Amino acid sequence: EDSSIMSSLKRVAVDSDQNISCSICLEDLEEALSMPCSHVYHGDCIKKWLSISHYCPLCRFEMPTTN
């Protein structure tokens, strides 16, 4: 189930000029995973988050699940 959620996230490159940080760990993003709601996080950060919650940490968008 978790792998299908993770596969629905898009890998995105983040331009270093943009100074975008991961809202989970607050570190700068270079490469990120984008949720369907367009919020971006480090892959490891969002993987851990989605293992306990199926909602975006910022906007509470509910990730579709397979069950």
N, C-alpha and C. Protein backbone atom coordinates (compact mmCIF):
# COMPACT_ATOMS: atom_id res chain seq x y z
N GLU A 1 0.84 -1.21 0.00
CA GLU A 1 0.00 0.00 0.00
C GLU A 1 0.87 1.25 0.00
N ASP A 2 1.86 1.33 0.92
CA ASP A 2 2.71 2.51 0.99
C ASP A 2 3.48 2.74 -0.31
N SER A 3 3.90 1.63 -0.97
CA SER A 3 4.66 1.79 -2.20
C SER A 3 3.81 2.41 -3.31
N SER A 4 2.51 2.12 -3.33
CA SER A 4 1.66 2.73 -4.35
C SER A 4 1.48 4.22 -4.07
N ILE A 5 1.43 4.59 -2.82
CA ILE A 5 1.35 6.02 -2.47
C ILE A 5 2.64 6.71 -2.89
N MET A 6 3.78 6.11 -2.56
CA MET A 6 5.06 6.72 -2.91
C MET A 6 5.23 6.83 -4.42
N SER A 7 4.72 5.84 -5.17
CA SER A 7 4.88 5.89 -6.62
C SER A 7 4.01 6.98 -7.25
N SER A 8 3.02 7.47 -6.51
CA SER A 8 2.19 8.55 -7.05
C SER A 8 2.83 9.93 -6.87
N LEU A 9 3.95 9.98 -6.14
CA LEU A 9 4.65 11.25 -5.95
C LEU A 9 5.61 11.47 -7.12
N LYS A 10 5.73 12.70 -7.56
CA LYS A 10 6.61 13.03 -8.67
C LYS A 10 7.94 13.54 -8.15
N ARG A 11 9.04 13.03 -8.74
CA ARG A 11 10.37 13.52 -8.39
C ARG A 11 10.60 14.83 -9.14
N VAL A 12 11.01 15.86 -8.43
CA VAL A 12 11.23 17.17 -9.06
C VAL A 12 12.59 17.72 -8.68
N ALA A 13 13.20 18.42 -9.61
CA ALA A 13 14.46 19.12 -9.32
C ALA A 13 14.09 20.52 -8.85
N VAL A 14 14.79 20.98 -7.84
CA VAL A 14 14.50 22.31 -7.28
C VAL A 14 15.66 23.23 -7.63
N ASP A 15 15.36 24.36 -8.23
CA ASP A 15 16.37 25.34 -8.60
C ASP A 15 16.95 25.95 -7.32
N SER A 16 18.28 25.92 -7.20
CA SER A 16 18.92 26.42 -5.98
C SER A 16 18.65 27.91 -5.74
N ASP A 17 18.30 28.64 -6.81
CA ASP A 17 17.96 30.07 -6.66
C ASP A 17 16.66 30.27 -5.88
N GLN A 18 15.83 29.24 -5.85
CA GLN A 18 14.51 29.39 -5.24
C GLN A 18 14.52 29.32 -3.71
N ASN A 19 15.59 28.79 -3.12
CA ASN A 19 15.68 28.68 -1.67
C ASN A 19 14.44 28.02 -1.05
N ILE A 20 14.02 26.91 -1.60
CA ILE A 20 12.86 26.19 -1.07
C ILE A 20 13.37 25.17 -0.06
N SER A 21 12.72 25.10 1.09
CA SER A 21 13.14 24.13 2.09
C SER A 21 12.04 23.11 2.33
N CYS A 22 12.46 21.95 2.82
CA CYS A 22 11.53 20.88 3.16
C CYS A 22 10.78 21.31 4.42
N SER A 23 9.47 21.26 4.38
CA SER A 23 8.67 21.71 5.53
C SER A 23 8.71 20.73 6.69
N ILE A 24 9.27 19.54 6.46
CA ILE A 24 9.36 18.56 7.54
C ILE A 24 10.66 18.75 8.32
N CYS A 25 11.81 18.77 7.60
CA CYS A 25 13.10 18.88 8.30
C CYS A 25 13.68 20.30 8.24
N LEU A 26 13.09 21.16 7.42
CA LEU A 26 13.50 22.56 7.27
C LEU A 26 14.86 22.75 6.58
N GLU A 27 15.42 21.68 6.01
CA GLU A 27 16.66 21.79 5.24
C GLU A 27 16.33 22.20 3.81
N ASP A 28 17.31 22.80 3.12
CA ASP A 28 17.11 23.19 1.72
C ASP A 28 16.86 21.97 0.85
N LEU A 29 16.05 22.16 -0.17
CA LEU A 29 15.76 21.10 -1.12
C LEU A 29 16.60 21.26 -2.37
N GLU A 30 17.16 20.17 -2.88
CA GLU A 30 17.82 20.16 -4.18
C GLU A 30 17.01 19.27 -5.11
N GLU A 31 16.67 18.08 -4.61
CA GLU A 31 15.77 17.19 -5.33
C GLU A 31 14.67 16.85 -4.35
N ALA A 32 13.45 16.78 -4.84
CA ALA A 32 12.33 16.59 -3.92
C ALA A 32 11.27 15.70 -4.54
N LEU A 33 10.34 15.27 -3.70
CA LEU A 33 9.15 14.59 -4.18
C LEU A 33 7.99 15.54 -4.02
N SER A 34 7.17 15.63 -5.06
CA SER A 34 6.03 16.55 -5.06
C SER A 34 4.74 15.78 -4.83
N MET A 35 3.96 16.24 -3.88
CA MET A 35 2.65 15.65 -3.60
C MET A 35 1.67 16.12 -4.69
N PRO A 36 0.53 15.45 -4.84
CA PRO A 36 -0.48 15.91 -5.82
C PRO A 36 -0.95 17.34 -5.55
N CYS A 37 -0.84 17.80 -4.31
CA CYS A 37 -1.23 19.17 -3.96
C CYS A 37 -0.12 20.18 -4.26
N SER A 38 0.99 19.70 -4.82
CA SER A 38 2.14 20.52 -5.24
C SER A 38 3.12 20.89 -4.13
N HIS A 39 2.91 20.46 -2.90
CA HIS A 39 3.90 20.70 -1.86
C HIS A 39 5.04 19.70 -2.05
N VAL A 40 6.27 20.16 -1.76
CA VAL A 40 7.45 19.33 -2.01
C VAL A 40 8.22 19.06 -0.72
N TYR A 41 8.82 17.86 -0.67
CA TYR A 41 9.55 17.40 0.51
C TYR A 41 10.71 16.53 0.07
N HIS A 42 11.70 16.36 0.96
CA HIS A 42 12.73 15.35 0.72
C HIS A 42 12.06 13.99 0.64
N GLY A 43 12.56 13.12 -0.20
CA GLY A 43 12.00 11.78 -0.34
C GLY A 43 11.93 11.03 0.98
N ASP A 44 13.04 11.02 1.74
CA ASP A 44 13.06 10.29 3.01
C ASP A 44 12.09 10.89 4.03
N CYS A 45 11.99 12.21 4.04
CA CYS A 45 11.10 12.88 5.00
C CYS A 45 9.64 12.53 4.74
N ILE A 46 9.22 12.62 3.47
CA ILE A 46 7.82 12.37 3.18
C ILE A 46 7.51 10.88 3.27
N LYS A 47 8.51 10.03 3.00
CA LYS A 47 8.32 8.58 3.14
C LYS A 47 7.98 8.24 4.60
N LYS A 48 8.76 8.81 5.53
CA LYS A 48 8.51 8.58 6.96
C LYS A 48 7.14 9.13 7.36
N TRP A 49 6.83 10.33 6.89
CA TRP A 49 5.56 10.96 7.23
C TRP A 49 4.38 10.11 6.74
N LEU A 50 4.46 9.68 5.47
CA LEU A 50 3.35 8.93 4.89
C LEU A 50 3.21 7.52 5.47
N SER A 51 4.25 7.06 6.18
CA SER A 51 4.11 5.76 6.84
C SER A 51 3.21 5.86 8.07
N ILE A 52 3.01 7.08 8.59
CA ILE A 52 2.12 7.26 9.75
C ILE A 52 0.87 8.07 9.45
N SER A 53 0.88 8.81 8.33
CA SER A 53 -0.27 9.66 8.00
C SER A 53 -0.46 9.70 6.49
N HIS A 54 -1.68 9.72 6.01
CA HIS A 54 -1.93 9.79 4.57
C HIS A 54 -2.34 11.20 4.14
N TYR A 55 -1.93 12.19 4.91
CA TYR A 55 -2.28 13.59 4.62
C TYR A 55 -1.02 14.41 4.41
N CYS A 56 -1.12 15.42 3.55
CA CYS A 56 -0.01 16.36 3.37
C CYS A 56 0.22 17.10 4.68
N PRO A 57 1.48 17.20 5.14
CA PRO A 57 1.76 17.90 6.39
C PRO A 57 1.37 19.38 6.37
N LEU A 58 1.31 19.98 5.19
CA LEU A 58 1.00 21.41 5.12
C LEU A 58 -0.48 21.71 4.94
N CYS A 59 -1.11 21.05 3.97
CA CYS A 59 -2.49 21.45 3.65
C CYS A 59 -3.52 20.37 3.99
N ARG A 60 -3.05 19.24 4.49
CA ARG A 60 -3.93 18.12 4.88
C ARG A 60 -4.62 17.45 3.68
N PHE A 61 -4.08 17.64 2.48
CA PHE A 61 -4.59 16.94 1.31
C PHE A 61 -4.49 15.45 1.58
N GLU A 62 -5.56 14.71 1.33
CA GLU A 62 -5.54 13.28 1.60
C GLU A 62 -5.01 12.52 0.39
N MET A 63 -3.95 11.76 0.63
CA MET A 63 -3.41 10.92 -0.44
C MET A 63 -4.36 9.78 -0.70
N PRO A 64 -4.64 9.49 -1.97
CA PRO A 64 -5.50 8.34 -2.27
C PRO A 64 -4.81 7.05 -1.85
N THR A 65 -5.56 6.15 -1.25
CA THR A 65 -4.99 4.87 -0.84
C THR A 65 -5.63 3.77 -1.69
N THR A 66 -5.02 2.60 -1.65
CA THR A 66 -5.50 1.53 -2.51
C THR A 66 -6.61 0.70 -1.88
N ASN A 67 -6.94 0.94 -0.59
CA ASN A 67 -7.99 0.12 0.01
C ASN A 67 -9.32 0.82 0.03
